[in-house]
PDB file of N, CA and C in Angstrom:
ATOM      1  N   MET A   1      32.699 -36.256  19.812  1.00  0.00           N
ATOM      2  CA  MET A   1      31.476 -35.571  20.285  1.00  0.00           C
ATOM      3  C   MET A   1      31.208 -34.335  19.460  1.00  0.00           C
ATOM      4  N   LYS A   2      32.244 -33.519  19.201  1.00  0.00           N
ATOM      5  CA  LYS A   2      32.107 -32.278  18.467  1.00  0.00           C
ATOM      6  C   LYS A   2      31.545 -32.572  17.057  1.00  0.00           C
ATOM      7  N   LYS A   3      32.028 -33.657  16.413  1.00  0.00           N
ATOM      8  CA  LYS A   3      31.544 -34.015  15.098  1.00  0.00           C
ATOM      9  C   LYS A   3      30.079 -34.372  15.086  1.00  0.00           C
ATOM     10  N   LEU A   4      29.604 -35.008  16.142  1.00  0.00           N
ATOM     11  CA  LEU A   4      28.206 -35.377  16.238  1.00  0.00           C
ATOM     12  C   LEU A   4      27.333 -34.159  16.358  1.00  0.00           C
ATOM     13  N   VAL A   5      27.762 -33.180  17.156  1.00  0.00           N
ATOM     14  CA  VAL A   5      26.988 -31.943  17.331  1.00  0.00           C
ATOM     15  C   VAL A   5      26.938 -31.191  16.026  1.00  0.00           C
ATOM     16  N   GLU A   6      28.080 -31.095  15.365  1.00  0.00           N
ATOM     17  CA  GLU A   6      28.110 -30.395  14.077  1.00  0.00           C
ATOM     18  C   GLU A   6      27.228 -31.108  13.049  1.00  0.00           C
ATOM     19  N   ALA A   7      27.283 -32.384  13.002  1.00  0.00           N
ATOM     20  CA  ALA A   7      26.500 -33.148  12.022  1.00  0.00           C
ATOM     21  C   ALA A   7      24.983 -32.940  12.305  1.00  0.00           C
ATOM     22  N   GLY A   8      24.601 -32.891  13.546  1.00  0.00           N
ATOM     23  CA  GLY A   8      23.203 -32.686  13.894  1.00  0.00           C
ATOM     24  C   GLY A   8      22.707 -31.277  13.529  1.00  0.00           C
ATOM     25  N   MET A   9      23.603 -30.319  13.662  1.00  0.00           N
ATOM     26  CA  MET A   9      23.207 -28.968  13.330  1.00  0.00           C
ATOM     27  C   MET A   9      23.083 -28.787  11.834  1.00  0.00           C
ATOM     28  N   VAL A  10      23.959 -29.412  11.105  1.00  0.00           N
ATOM     29  CA  VAL A  10      23.986 -29.278   9.639  1.00  0.00           C
ATOM     30  C   VAL A  10      22.652 -29.817   9.074  1.00  0.00           C
ATOM     31  N   GLU A  11      22.119 -30.848   9.712  1.00  0.00           N
ATOM     32  CA  GLU A  11      20.834 -31.396   9.246  1.00  0.00           C
ATOM     33  C   GLU A  11      19.702 -30.377   9.335  1.00  0.00           C
ATOM     34  N   HIS A  12      19.834 -29.410  10.182  1.00  0.00           N
ATOM     35  CA  HIS A  12      18.733 -28.445  10.447  1.00  0.00           C
ATOM     36  C   HIS A  12      18.966 -27.057   9.856  1.00  0.00           C
ATOM     37  N   VAL A  13      20.031 -26.896   9.120  1.00  0.00           N
ATOM     38  CA  VAL A  13      20.342 -25.578   8.561  1.00  0.00           C
ATOM     39  C   VAL A  13      19.241 -25.101   7.620  1.00  0.00           C
ATOM     40  N   GLY A  14      18.725 -25.981   6.792  1.00  0.00           N
ATOM     41  CA  GLY A  14      17.685 -25.614   5.852  1.00  0.00           C
ATOM     42  C   GLY A  14      16.439 -25.104   6.541  1.00  0.00           C
ATOM     43  N   ILE A  15      16.005 -25.803   7.540  1.00  0.00           N
ATOM     44  CA  ILE A  15      14.816 -25.433   8.279  1.00  0.00           C
ATOM     45  C   ILE A  15      15.016 -24.107   9.024  1.00  0.00           C
ATOM     46  N   CYS A  16      16.234 -23.929   9.586  1.00  0.00           N
ATOM     47  CA  CYS A  16      16.565 -22.725  10.296  1.00  0.00           C
ATOM     48  C   CYS A  16      16.546 -21.525   9.310  1.00  0.00           C
ATOM     49  N   ASP A  17      17.100 -21.735   8.124  1.00  0.00           N
ATOM     50  CA  ASP A  17      17.067 -20.671   7.137  1.00  0.00           C
ATOM     51  C   ASP A  17      15.631 -20.282   6.731  1.00  0.00           C
ATOM     52  N   GLU A  18      14.819 -21.306   6.564  1.00  0.00           N
ATOM     53  CA  GLU A  18      13.424 -21.089   6.196  1.00  0.00           C
ATOM     54  C   GLU A  18      12.690 -20.296   7.271  1.00  0.00           C
ATOM     55  N   ILE A  19      12.870 -20.671   8.503  1.00  0.00           N
ATOM     56  CA  ILE A  19      12.223 -20.000   9.621  1.00  0.00           C
ATOM     57  C   ILE A  19      12.728 -18.552   9.752  1.00  0.00           C
ATOM     58  N   GLY A  20      14.057 -18.374   9.583  1.00  0.00           N
ATOM     59  CA  GLY A  20      14.635 -17.066   9.643  1.00  0.00           C
ATOM     60  C   GLY A  20      14.120 -16.120   8.532  1.00  0.00           C
ATOM     61  N   GLU A  21      13.989 -16.674   7.335  1.00  0.00           N
ATOM     62  CA  GLU A  21      13.486 -15.921   6.193  1.00  0.00           C
ATOM     63  C   GLU A  21      12.039 -15.480   6.431  1.00  0.00           C
ATOM     64  N   LYS A  22      11.219 -16.426   6.921  1.00  0.00           N
ATOM     65  CA  LYS A  22       9.816 -16.148   7.190  1.00  0.00           C
ATOM     66  C   LYS A  22       9.710 -15.057   8.269  1.00  0.00           C
ATOM     67  N   ALA A  23      10.496 -15.183   9.311  1.00  0.00           N
ATOM     68  CA  ALA A  23      10.476 -14.206  10.404  1.00  0.00           C
ATOM     69  C   ALA A  23      10.901 -12.821   9.927  1.00  0.00           C
ATOM     70  N   ALA A  24      11.892 -12.764   9.067  1.00  0.00           N
ATOM     71  CA  ALA A  24      12.349 -11.501   8.511  1.00  0.00           C
ATOM     72  C   ALA A  24      11.267 -10.842   7.687  1.00  0.00           C
ATOM     73  N   LYS A  25      10.547 -11.604   6.880  1.00  0.00           N
ATOM     74  CA  LYS A  25       9.497 -11.030   6.042  1.00  0.00           C
ATOM     75  C   LYS A  25       8.304 -10.582   6.882  1.00  0.00           C
ATOM     76  N   GLU A  26       7.977 -11.334   7.902  1.00  0.00           N
ATOM     77  CA  GLU A  26       6.903 -10.943   8.810  1.00  0.00           C
ATOM     78  C   GLU A  26       7.296  -9.641   9.557  1.00  0.00           C
ATOM     79  N   TYR A  27       8.532  -9.568   9.959  1.00  0.00           N
ATOM     80  CA  TYR A  27       9.036  -8.358  10.620  1.00  0.00           C
ATOM     81  C   TYR A  27       8.942  -7.163   9.697  1.00  0.00           C
ATOM     82  N   HIS A  28       9.293  -7.356   8.445  1.00  0.00           N
ATOM     83  CA  HIS A  28       9.191  -6.278   7.467  1.00  0.00           C
ATOM     84  C   HIS A  28       7.755  -5.755   7.325  1.00  0.00           C
ATOM     85  N   ILE A  29       6.799  -6.691   7.278  1.00  0.00           N
ATOM     86  CA  ILE A  29       5.384  -6.286   7.202  1.00  0.00           C
ATOM     87  C   ILE A  29       4.983  -5.511   8.461  1.00  0.00           C
ATOM     88  N   GLU A  30       5.379  -5.984   9.623  1.00  0.00           N
ATOM     89  CA  GLU A  30       5.064  -5.325  10.864  1.00  0.00           C
ATOM     90  C   GLU A  30       5.612  -3.879  10.904  1.00  0.00           C
ATOM     91  N   LYS A  31       6.891  -3.758  10.483  1.00  0.00           N
ATOM     92  CA  LYS A  31       7.512  -2.432  10.484  1.00  0.00           C
ATOM     93  C   LYS A  31       6.872  -1.529   9.453  1.00  0.00           C
ATOM     94  N   SER A  32       6.522  -2.039   8.298  1.00  0.00           N
ATOM     95  CA  SER A  32       5.893  -1.226   7.251  1.00  0.00           C
ATOM     96  C   SER A  32       4.514  -0.727   7.693  1.00  0.00           C
ATOM     97  N   LEU A  33       3.752  -1.566   8.379  1.00  0.00           N
ATOM     98  CA  LEU A  33       2.443  -1.117   8.873  1.00  0.00           C
ATOM     99  C   LEU A  33       2.625  -0.005   9.896  1.00  0.00           C
ATOM    100  N   ALA A  34       3.552  -0.168  10.781  1.00  0.00           N
ATOM    101  CA  ALA A  34       3.796   0.853  11.814  1.00  0.00           C
ATOM    102  C   ALA A  34       4.267   2.159  11.188  1.00  0.00           C
ATOM    103  N   LYS A  35       5.123   2.066  10.159  1.00  0.00           N
ATOM    104  CA  LYS A  35       5.652   3.275   9.493  1.00  0.00           C
ATOM    105  C   LYS A  35       4.517   3.989   8.771  1.00  0.00           C
ATOM    106  N   MET A  36       3.630   3.285   8.088  1.00  0.00           N
ATOM    107  CA  MET A  36       2.544   3.907   7.418  1.00  0.00           C
ATOM    108  C   MET A  36       1.641   4.661   8.400  1.00  0.00           C
ATOM    109  N   GLN A  37       1.344   4.031   9.490  1.00  0.00           N
ATOM    110  CA  GLN A  37       0.498   4.661  10.508  1.00  0.00           C
ATOM    111  C   GLN A  37       1.144   5.915  11.076  1.00  0.00           C
ATOM    112  N   ARG A  38       2.425   5.891  11.337  1.00  0.00           N
ATOM    113  CA  ARG A  38       3.148   7.069  11.857  1.00  0.00           C
ATOM    114  C   ARG A  38       3.158   8.204  10.870  1.00  0.00           C
ATOM    115  N   GLU A  39       3.250   7.904   9.596  1.00  0.00           N
ATOM    116  CA  GLU A  39       3.283   8.979   8.580  1.00  0.00           C
ATOM    117  C   GLU A  39       1.973   9.768   8.483  1.00  0.00           C
ATOM    118  N   TRP A  40       0.853   9.135   8.896  1.00  0.00           N
ATOM    119  CA  TRP A  40      -0.422   9.847   8.835  1.00  0.00           C
ATOM    120  C   TRP A  40      -0.622  10.715  10.075  1.00  0.00           C
ATOM    121  N   GLU A  41       0.088  10.425  11.191  1.00  0.00           N
ATOM    122  CA  GLU A  41      -0.106  11.139  12.428  1.00  0.00           C
ATOM    123  C   GLU A  41       0.168  12.614  12.335  1.00  0.00           C
ATOM    124  N   GLY A  42       1.218  12.998  11.634  1.00  0.00           N
ATOM    125  CA  GLY A  42       1.574  14.426  11.567  1.00  0.00           C
ATOM    126  C   GLY A  42       1.000  15.175  10.355  1.00  0.00           C
ATOM    127  N   LEU A  43       0.134  14.500   9.586  1.00  0.00           N
ATOM    128  CA  LEU A  43      -0.381  15.139   8.369  1.00  0.00           C
ATOM    129  C   LEU A  43      -1.604  16.014   8.707  1.00  0.00           C
ATOM    130  N   ASN A  44      -1.504  17.267   8.290  1.00  0.00           N
ATOM    131  CA  ASN A  44      -2.584  18.229   8.512  1.00  0.00           C
ATOM    132  C   ASN A  44      -2.998  18.874   7.198  1.00  0.00           C
ATOM    133  N   PHE A  45      -4.264  19.247   7.146  1.00  0.00           N
ATOM    134  CA  PHE A  45      -4.747  19.946   5.978  1.00  0.00           C
ATOM    135  C   PHE A  45      -4.830  21.447   6.334  1.00  0.00           C
ATOM    136  N   LEU A  46      -4.750  22.267   5.345  1.00  0.00           N
ATOM    137  CA  LEU A  46      -4.890  23.743   5.576  1.00  0.00           C
ATOM    138  C   LEU A  46      -6.350  24.093   5.403  1.00  0.00           C
ATOM    139  N   LEU A  47      -6.825  25.015   6.239  1.00  0.00           N
ATOM    140  CA  LEU A  47      -8.206  25.445   6.167  1.00  0.00           C
ATOM    141  C   LEU A  47      -8.266  26.996   5.970  1.00  0.00           C
ATOM    142  N   PRO A  48      -7.875  27.448   4.804  1.00  0.00           N
ATOM    143  CA  PRO A  48      -7.910  28.924   4.587  1.00  0.00           C
ATOM    144  C   PRO A  48      -9.339  29.414   4.402  1.00  0.00           C
ATOM    145  N   LYS A  49      -9.543  30.695   4.777  1.00  0.00           N
ATOM    146  CA  LYS A  49     -10.833  31.322   4.568  1.00  0.00           C
ATOM    147  C   LYS A  49     -11.023  31.554   3.081  1.00  0.00           C
ATOM    148  N   PHE A  50     -12.267  31.418   2.621  1.00  0.00           N
ATOM    149  CA  PHE A  50     -12.613  31.678   1.237  1.00  0.00           C
ATOM    150  C   PHE A  50     -12.912  33.147   1.141  1.00  0.00           C
ATOM    151  N   LYS A  51     -12.000  33.830   0.437  1.00  0.00           N
ATOM    152  CA  LYS A  51     -12.089  35.296   0.230  1.00  0.00           C
ATOM    153  C   LYS A  51     -12.357  35.977   1.592  1.00  0.00           C
ATOM    154  N   ASN A  52     -13.286  36.838   1.649  1.00  0.00           N
ATOM    155  CA  ASN A  52     -13.560  37.579   2.915  1.00  0.00           C
ATOM    156  C   ASN A  52     -14.875  37.116   3.527  1.00  0.00           C
ATOM    157  N   THR A  53     -15.067  35.770   3.500  1.00  0.00           N
ATOM    158  CA  THR A  53     -16.323  35.230   4.046  1.00  0.00           C
ATOM    159  C   THR A  53     -15.982  34.415   5.324  1.00  0.00           C
ATOM    160  N   SER A  54     -17.018  33.910   5.931  1.00  0.00           N
ATOM    161  CA  SER A  54     -16.803  33.037   7.090  1.00  0.00           C
ATOM    162  C   SER A  54     -16.723  31.575   6.667  1.00  0.00           C
ATOM    163  N   THR A  55     -16.633  31.338   5.371  1.00  0.00           N
ATOM    164  CA  THR A  55     -16.504  29.969   4.829  1.00  0.00           C
ATOM    165  C   THR A  55     -15.091  29.600   4.673  1.00  0.00           C
ATOM    166  N   TYR A  56     -14.753  28.375   5.031  1.00  0.00           N
ATOM    167  CA  TYR A  56     -13.398  27.899   4.902  1.00  0.00           C
ATOM    168  C   TYR A  56     -13.309  26.852   3.766  1.00  0.00           C
ATOM    169  N   THR A  57     -12.196  26.817   3.152  1.00  0.00           N
ATOM    170  CA  THR A  57     -11.924  25.792   2.161  1.00  0.00           C
ATOM    171  C   THR A  57     -10.868  24.878   2.722  1.00  0.00           C
ATOM    172  N   ILE A  58     -10.636  23.771   2.029  1.00  0.00           N
ATOM    173  CA  ILE A  58      -9.620  22.867   2.486  1.00  0.00           C
ATOM    174  C   ILE A  58      -8.542  22.807   1.408  1.00  0.00           C
ATOM    175  N   ALA A  59      -7.273  22.795   1.852  1.00  0.00           N
ATOM    176  CA  ALA A  59      -6.169  22.797   0.922  1.00  0.00           C
ATOM    177  C   ALA A  59      -5.063  21.890   1.494  1.00  0.00           C
ATOM    178  N   GLY A  60      -4.043  21.655   0.726  1.00  0.00           N
ATOM    179  CA  GLY A  60      -2.936  20.833   1.213  1.00  0.00           C
ATOM    180  C   GLY A  60      -3.107  19.381   0.877  1.00  0.00           C
ATOM    181  N   PHE A  61      -3.734  19.111  -0.282  1.00  0.00           N
ATOM    182  CA  PHE A  61      -3.970  17.718  -0.637  1.00  0.00           C
ATOM    183  C   PHE A  61      -2.753  16.991  -1.184  1.00  0.00           C
ATOM    184  N   ASP A  62      -1.783  17.727  -1.700  1.00  0.00           N
ATOM    185  CA  ASP A  62      -0.662  17.090  -2.391  1.00  0.00           C
ATOM    186  C   ASP A  62       0.075  16.072  -1.525  1.00  0.00           C
ATOM    187  N   ASP A  63       0.443  16.451  -0.318  1.00  0.00           N
ATOM    188  CA  ASP A  63       1.139  15.500   0.580  1.00  0.00           C
ATOM    189  C   ASP A  63       0.270  14.270   0.852  1.00  0.00           C
ATOM    190  N   ALA A  64      -0.984  14.538   1.169  1.00  0.00           N
ATOM    191  CA  ALA A  64      -1.909  13.445   1.489  1.00  0.00           C
ATOM    192  C   ALA A  64      -2.090  12.478   0.317  1.00  0.00           C
ATOM    193  N   MET A  65      -2.222  13.046  -0.875  1.00  0.00           N
ATOM    194  CA  MET A  65      -2.414  12.196  -2.062  1.00  0.00           C
ATOM    195  C   MET A  65      -1.164  11.377  -2.350  1.00  0.00           C
ATOM    196  N   ASN A  66       0.022  11.965  -2.195  1.00  0.00           N
ATOM    197  CA  ASN A  66       1.243  11.210  -2.416  1.00  0.00           C
ATOM    198  C   ASN A  66       1.377  10.052  -1.412  1.00  0.00           C
ATOM    199  N   ILE A  67       1.153  10.373  -0.140  1.00  0.00           N
ATOM    200  CA  ILE A  67       1.237   9.333   0.890  1.00  0.00           C
ATOM    201  C   ILE A  67       0.192   8.267   0.649  1.00  0.00           C
ATOM    202  N   LEU A  68      -1.005   8.715   0.338  1.00  0.00           N
ATOM    203  CA  LEU A  68      -2.138   7.794   0.114  1.00  0.00           C
ATOM    204  C   LEU A  68      -1.823   6.811  -1.021  1.00  0.00           C
ATOM    205  N   ASP A  69      -1.365   7.346  -2.154  1.00  0.00           N
ATOM    206  CA  ASP A  69      -1.036   6.483  -3.300  1.00  0.00           C
ATOM    207  C   ASP A  69       0.031   5.442  -2.938  1.00  0.00           C
ATOM    208  N   GLU A  70       1.063   5.880  -2.269  1.00  0.00           N
ATOM    209  CA  GLU A  70       2.162   4.973  -1.817  1.00  0.00           C
ATOM    210  C   GLU A  70       1.646   3.907  -0.862  1.00  0.00           C
ATOM    211  N   HIS A  71       0.838   4.355   0.078  1.00  0.00           N
ATOM    212  CA  HIS A  71       0.355   3.394   1.096  1.00  0.00           C
ATOM    213  C   HIS A  71      -0.652   2.402   0.512  1.00  0.00           C
ATOM    214  N   ILE A  72      -1.472   2.804  -0.391  1.00  0.00           N
ATOM    215  CA  ILE A  72      -2.415   1.870  -1.015  1.00  0.00           C
ATOM    216  C   ILE A  72      -1.657   0.776  -1.755  1.00  0.00           C
ATOM    217  N   VAL A  73      -0.634   1.163  -2.498  1.00  0.00           N
ATOM    218  CA  VAL A  73       0.151   0.129  -3.219  1.00  0.00           C
ATOM    219  C   VAL A  73       0.842  -0.788  -2.243  1.00  0.00           C
ATOM    220  N   THR A  74       1.429  -0.238  -1.172  1.00  0.00           N
ATOM    221  CA  THR A  74       2.115  -1.057  -0.196  1.00  0.00           C
ATOM    222  C   THR A  74       1.154  -1.992   0.546  1.00  0.00           C
ATOM    223  N   ALA A  75       0.011  -1.456   0.942  1.00  0.00           N
ATOM    224  CA  ALA A  75      -0.981  -2.283   1.678  1.00  0.00           C
ATOM    225  C   ALA A  75      -1.539  -3.378   0.792  1.00  0.00           C
ATOM    226  N   GLN A  76      -1.791  -3.095  -0.486  1.00  0.00           N
ATOM    227  CA  GLN A  76      -2.291  -4.103  -1.406  1.00  0.00           C
ATOM    228  C   GLN A  76      -1.247  -5.191  -1.594  1.00  0.00           C
ATOM    229  N   ALA A  77       0.007  -4.826  -1.687  1.00  0.00           N
ATOM    230  CA  ALA A  77       1.074  -5.837  -1.779  1.00  0.00           C
ATOM    231  C   ALA A  77       1.100  -6.711  -0.556  1.00  0.00           C
ATOM    232  N   MET A  78       0.888  -6.140   0.593  1.00  0.00           N
ATOM    233  CA  MET A  78       0.849  -6.888   1.840  1.00  0.00           C
ATOM    234  C   MET A  78      -0.297  -7.909   1.832  1.00  0.00           C
ATOM    235  N   GLN A  79      -1.433  -7.517   1.245  1.00  0.00           N
ATOM    236  CA  GLN A  79      -2.596  -8.417   1.181  1.00  0.00           C
ATOM    237  C   GLN A  79      -2.295  -9.691   0.436  1.00  0.00           C
ATOM    238  N   PHE A  80      -1.369  -9.628  -0.540  1.00  0.00           N
ATOM    239  CA  PHE A  80      -1.053 -10.812  -1.347  1.00  0.00           C
ATOM    240  C   PHE A  80       0.212 -11.512  -0.859  1.00  0.00           C
ATOM    241  N   SER A  81       0.793 -11.049   0.220  1.00  0.00           N
ATOM    242  CA  SER A  81       2.035 -11.656   0.744  1.00  0.00           C
ATOM    243  C   SER A  81       1.686 -13.007   1.414  1.00  0.00           C
ATOM    244  N   PRO A  82       2.520 -14.008   1.169  1.00  0.00           N
ATOM    245  CA  PRO A  82       2.310 -15.280   1.834  1.00  0.00           C
ATOM    246  C   PRO A  82       2.700 -15.200   3.331  1.00  0.00           C
ATOM    247  N   PHE A  83       3.250 -14.073   3.735  1.00  0.00           N
ATOM    248  CA  PHE A  83       3.717 -13.932   5.130  1.00  0.00           C
ATOM    249  C   PHE A  83       2.826 -13.013   5.942  1.00  0.00           C
ATOM    250  N   LYS A  84       1.640 -12.718   5.469  1.00  0.00           N
ATOM    251  CA  LYS A  84       0.726 -11.768   6.080  1.00  0.00           C
ATOM    252  C   LYS A  84      -0.043 -12.305   7.276  1.00  0.00           C
ATOM    253  N   LYS A  85      -0.112 -13.590   7.450  1.00  0.00           N
ATOM    254  CA  LYS A  85      -1.051 -14.233   8.378  1.00  0.00           C
ATOM    255  C   LYS A  85      -1.087 -13.591   9.766  1.00  0.00           C
ATOM    256  N   PRO A  86       0.060 -13.335  10.436  1.00  0.00           N
ATOM    257  CA  PRO A  86      -0.029 -12.738  11.777  1.00  0.00           C
ATOM    258  C   PRO A  86      -0.621 -11.333  11.805  1.00  0.00           C
ATOM    259  N   PHE A  87      -0.659 -10.661  10.628  1.00  0.00           N
ATOM    260  CA  PHE A  87      -1.099  -9.284  10.542  1.00  0.00           C
ATOM    261  C   PHE A  87      -2.282  -9.090   9.649  1.00  0.00           C
ATOM    262  N   GLU A  88      -2.915 -10.167   9.232  1.00  0.00           N
ATOM    263  CA  GLU A  88      -3.983 -10.174   8.250  1.00  0.00           C
ATOM    264  C   GLU A  88      -5.118  -9.209   8.656  1.00  0.00           C
ATOM    265  N   ASP A  89      -5.610  -9.306   9.857  1.00  0.00           N
ATOM    266  CA  ASP A  89      -6.691  -8.427  10.285  1.00  0.00           C
ATOM    267  C   ASP A  89      -6.271  -6.977  10.283  1.00  0.00           C
ATOM    268  N   GLU A  90      -5.070  -6.679  10.747  1.00  0.00           N
ATOM    269  CA  GLU A  90      -4.594  -5.300  10.748  1.00  0.00           C
ATOM    270  C   GLU A  90      -4.431  -4.768   9.339  1.00  0.00           C
ATOM    271  N   ILE A  91      -3.901  -5.600   8.438  1.00  0.00           N
ATOM    272  CA  ILE A  91      -3.745  -5.208   7.049  1.00  0.00           C
ATOM    273  C   ILE A  91      -5.129  -4.903   6.423  1.00  0.00           C
ATOM    274  N   GLU A  92      -6.092  -5.730   6.680  1.00  0.00           N
ATOM    275  CA  GLU A  92      -7.425  -5.516   6.132  1.00  0.00           C
ATOM    276  C   GLU A  92      -8.052  -4.215   6.674  1.00  0.00           C
ATOM    277  N   ARG A  93      -7.891  -3.983   7.994  1.00  0.00           N
ATOM    278  CA  ARG A  93      -8.407  -2.753   8.572  1.00  0.00           C
ATOM    279  C   ARG A  93      -7.723  -1.506   7.975  1.00  0.00           C
ATOM    280  N   TRP A  94      -6.400  -1.617   7.806  1.00  0.00           N
ATOM    281  CA  TRP A  94      -5.633  -0.527   7.263  1.00  0.00           C
ATOM    282  C   TRP A  94      -6.044  -0.255   5.807  1.00  0.00           C
ATOM    283  N   CYS A  95      -6.215  -1.253   5.019  1.00  0.00           N
ATOM    284  CA  CYS A  95      -6.661  -1.095   3.623  1.00  0.00           C
ATOM    285  C   CYS A  95      -8.007  -0.425   3.564  1.00  0.00           C
ATOM    286  N   ALA A  96      -8.929  -0.853   4.454  1.00  0.00           N
ATOM    287  CA  ALA A  96     -10.256  -0.237   4.468  1.00  0.00           C
ATOM    288  C   ALA A  96     -10.167   1.273   4.875  1.00  0.00           C
ATOM    289  N   LYS A  97      -9.313   1.583   5.838  1.00  0.00           N
ATOM    290  CA  LYS A  97      -9.144   2.994   6.207  1.00  0.00           C
ATOM    291  C   LYS A  97      -8.583   3.775   5.042  1.00  0.00           C
ATOM    292  N   LEU A  98      -7.617   3.231   4.343  1.00  0.00           N
ATOM    293  CA  LEU A  98      -7.028   3.945   3.228  1.00  0.00           C
ATOM    294  C   LEU A  98      -8.061   4.204   2.129  1.00  0.00           C
ATOM    295  N   MET A  99      -8.947   3.239   1.924  1.00  0.00           N
ATOM    296  CA  MET A  99      -9.977   3.410   0.906  1.00  0.00           C
ATOM    297  C   MET A  99     -10.963   4.503   1.284  1.00  0.00           C
ATOM    298  N   VAL A 100     -11.320   4.575   2.581  1.00  0.00           N
ATOM    299  CA  VAL A 100     -12.189   5.658   3.062  1.00  0.00           C
ATOM    300  C   VAL A 100     -11.504   6.997   2.882  1.00  0.00           C
ATOM    301  N   VAL A 101     -10.223   7.093   3.225  1.00  0.00           N
ATOM    302  CA  VAL A 101      -9.513   8.312   3.033  1.00  0.00           C
ATOM    303  C   VAL A 101      -9.463   8.675   1.555  1.00  0.00           C
ATOM    304  N   SER A 102      -9.221   7.750   0.705  1.00  0.00           N
ATOM    305  CA  SER A 102      -9.183   7.988  -0.744  1.00  0.00           C
ATOM    306  C   SER A 102     -10.519   8.487  -1.239  1.00  0.00           C
ATOM    307  N   ASP A 103     -11.605   7.874  -0.880  1.00  0.00           N
ATOM    308  CA  ASP A 103     -12.921   8.289  -1.289  1.00  0.00           C
ATOM    309  C   ASP A 103     -13.267   9.693  -0.750  1.00  0.00           C
ATOM    310  N   THR A 104     -12.885   9.940   0.514  1.00  0.00           N
ATOM    311  CA  THR A 104     -13.154  11.243   1.105  1.00  0.00           C
ATOM    312  C   THR A 104     -12.369  12.340   0.415  1.00  0.00           C
ATOM    313  N   LEU A 105     -11.089  12.132   0.192  1.00  0.00           N
ATOM    314  CA  LEU A 105     -10.272  13.128  -0.517  1.00  0.00           C
ATOM    315  C   LEU A 105     -10.794  13.404  -1.913  1.00  0.00           C
ATOM    316  N   GLU A 106     -11.187  12.375  -2.616  1.00  0.00           N
ATOM    317  CA  GLU A 106     -11.737  12.552  -3.950  1.00  0.00           C
ATOM    318  C   GLU A 106     -13.001  13.473  -3.877  1.00  0.00           C
ATOM    319  N   GLU A 107     -13.848  13.233  -2.929  1.00  0.00           N
ATOM    320  CA  GLU A 107     -15.057  14.044  -2.808  1.00  0.00           C
ATOM    321  C   GLU A 107     -14.708  15.509  -2.415  1.00  0.00           C
ATOM    322  N   TRP A 108     -13.764  15.679  -1.512  1.00  0.00           N
ATOM    323  CA  TRP A 108     -13.318  17.014  -1.134  1.00  0.00           C
ATOM    324  C   TRP A 108     -12.786  17.748  -2.299  1.00  0.00           C
ATOM    325  N   ILE A 109     -11.953  17.090  -3.111  1.00  0.00           N
ATOM    326  CA  ILE A 109     -11.341  17.702  -4.276  1.00  0.00           C
ATOM    327  C   ILE A 109     -12.438  18.127  -5.268  1.00  0.00           C
ATOM    328  N   LYS A 110     -13.461  17.328  -5.439  1.00  0.00           N
ATOM    329  CA  LYS A 110     -14.564  17.693  -6.336  1.00  0.00           C
ATOM    330  C   LYS A 110     -15.251  18.971  -5.869  1.00  0.00           C
ATOM    331  N   CYS A 111     -15.359  19.149  -4.578  1.00  0.00           N
ATOM    332  CA  CYS A 111     -16.030  20.353  -4.028  1.00  0.00           C
ATOM    333  C   CYS A 111     -15.149  21.567  -4.292  1.00  0.00           C
TER     334      CYS A 111
END
């Protein structure tokens, strides 16, 4: 009886490995998306006064630009992943948000 059970399990090792690998890669995408979103939560810009006026400027772009560059690369890699299907809509929304942030920061820097 033991040999029959072992023989049956051996037949399915390949499929179990495949399912496990797919699940691990999907889990990695899920965790990466959550991590990126958390990293933006605590990010603040500085709003110092411009000289002795009531006008404020915006500063503190370095951290945002570094995070943005890293997240754009990561999100774009996710878009091409064969394991993205369960998170495809979220990945697309996140990429769109990152592009808006990128465009906005570029315009702020120009000012």
